[in-house]
Structures are given as C-alpha cells and as structure tokens.
Amino acid sequence: MKKKKELTAYYKTALNAFETDYDRIVKEQQSLLEKYEESLPKPEPPKKDFIEAVTKMSEWADKVHRKAEEQKRSNRNYYER
C-alpha cells in the first residue's frame, strides 16, 4: 500500500508537469465561469399579460391608423366642396 501511494504521488506529479500553465488557467477559469453562470437568476418566460399587452398595442395601432385615414378622407371631402 505504501508503494502504491508513493507511485500515485509520482504519477500525479508527472501529470502536473506535462500539463502547461495555460491549460490549468483555462480549466480554473472555466470552472469559475460555470459557478458564476449557475449563480445567475434564471430568466422567466414571458407572462401572458405581456403577450396580451402586445396584442392590444397592435390593435390600438390599427385603430389609430384607420382613424388617421378617416380624417384624411374627411379633410379631402371638406376641401373638395
């Protein structure tokens, strides 16, 4: 068991020697980024109220457009008389 532990320590030291500093830094930063992303609050899907509001805005825009067209027509009719 003592020999096994000693060889394991040498093996780990050899692996660390083969690995470059850049690789270690990249791994550390990736793990930090993953932890940070996990800590961020998850965005909620849009609520139905939002979808309804957008639909109403579209309907309102159509009404405004129709009203403006009616005013243009009535102004033309007034000046044509």
Protein backbone atom coordinates (compact mmCIF):
# COMPACT_ATOMS: atom_id res chain seq x y z
CA MET A 1 0.00 0.00 0.00
CA LYS A 2 2.89 2.31 0.84
CA LYS A 3 4.46 1.69 -2.59
CA LYS A 4 1.12 2.31 -4.28
CA LYS A 5 0.68 5.68 -2.56
CA GLU A 6 4.24 6.64 -3.42
CA LEU A 7 3.79 5.71 -7.09
CA THR A 8 0.45 7.56 -7.21
CA ALA A 9 2.15 10.70 -5.91
CA TYR A 10 4.87 10.40 -8.57
CA TYR A 11 2.27 9.80 -11.25
CA LYS A 12 0.28 12.89 -10.22
CA THR A 13 3.48 14.93 -10.19
CA ALA A 14 4.34 13.71 -13.68
CA LEU A 15 0.87 14.56 -14.98
CA ASN A 16 1.08 18.05 -13.50
CA ALA A 17 4.49 18.53 -15.11
CA PHE A 18 3.10 17.60 -18.52
CA GLU A 19 0.18 19.94 -18.18
CA THR A 20 1.03 23.53 -19.08
CA ASP A 21 0.18 26.57 -17.01
CA TYR A 22 -2.16 27.72 -19.76
CA ASP A 23 -4.21 24.52 -19.53
CA ARG A 24 -4.51 24.90 -15.78
CA ILE A 25 -5.59 28.52 -16.07
CA VAL A 26 -8.19 27.66 -18.72
CA LYS A 27 -9.64 24.89 -16.54
CA GLU A 28 -9.77 27.16 -13.49
CA GLN A 29 -11.47 29.93 -15.43
CA GLN A 30 -13.97 27.53 -16.97
CA SER A 31 -14.94 26.22 -13.56
CA LEU A 32 -15.26 29.78 -12.23
CA LEU A 33 -17.44 30.71 -15.21
CA GLU A 34 -19.67 27.68 -14.67
CA LYS A 35 -20.10 28.53 -10.99
CA TYR A 36 -20.91 32.15 -11.88
CA GLU A 37 -23.47 31.12 -14.52
CA GLU A 38 -25.14 28.76 -12.05
CA SER A 39 -25.43 31.59 -9.53
CA LEU A 40 -27.25 33.87 -12.00
CA PRO A 41 -31.03 34.05 -11.68
CA LYS A 42 -32.87 32.12 -14.36
CA PRO A 43 -34.97 34.33 -16.69
CA GLU A 44 -38.68 33.71 -16.51
CA PRO A 45 -40.65 33.03 -19.68
CA PRO A 46 -42.83 35.94 -20.85
CA LYS A 47 -46.09 36.15 -18.99
CA LYS A 48 -49.46 36.03 -20.71
CA ASP A 49 -50.03 39.62 -19.62
CA PHE A 50 -47.11 40.69 -21.80
CA ILE A 51 -48.44 38.81 -24.83
CA GLU A 52 -51.90 40.28 -24.31
CA ALA A 53 -50.44 43.78 -23.99
CA VAL A 54 -48.54 43.41 -27.26
CA THR A 55 -51.69 42.17 -28.99
CA LYS A 56 -53.67 45.13 -27.63
CA MET A 57 -50.95 47.53 -28.78
CA SER A 58 -51.21 46.10 -32.27
CA GLU A 59 -54.99 46.50 -32.25
CA TRP A 60 -54.64 50.05 -30.93
CA ALA A 61 -52.16 50.89 -33.70
CA ASP A 62 -54.62 49.59 -36.30
CA LYS A 63 -57.40 51.77 -34.81
CA VAL A 64 -55.16 54.84 -34.87
CA HIS A 65 -54.20 54.15 -38.46
CA ARG A 66 -57.88 53.79 -39.51
CA LYS A 67 -58.80 57.00 -37.65
CA ALA A 68 -56.00 58.90 -39.40
CA GLU A 69 -57.20 57.62 -42.78
CA GLU A 70 -60.77 58.71 -41.98
CA GLN A 71 -59.54 62.19 -41.04
CA LYS A 72 -57.60 62.48 -44.30
CA ARG A 73 -60.68 61.46 -46.27
CA SER A 74 -62.93 63.90 -44.39
CA ASN A 75 -60.41 66.73 -44.90
CA ARG A 76 -60.28 66.00 -48.65
CA ASN A 77 -64.09 65.96 -48.83
CA TYR A 78 -64.26 69.28 -46.97
CA TYR A 79 -61.83 70.99 -49.35
CA GLU A 80 -63.45 69.48 -52.46
CA ARG A 81 -66.80 71.13 -51.68
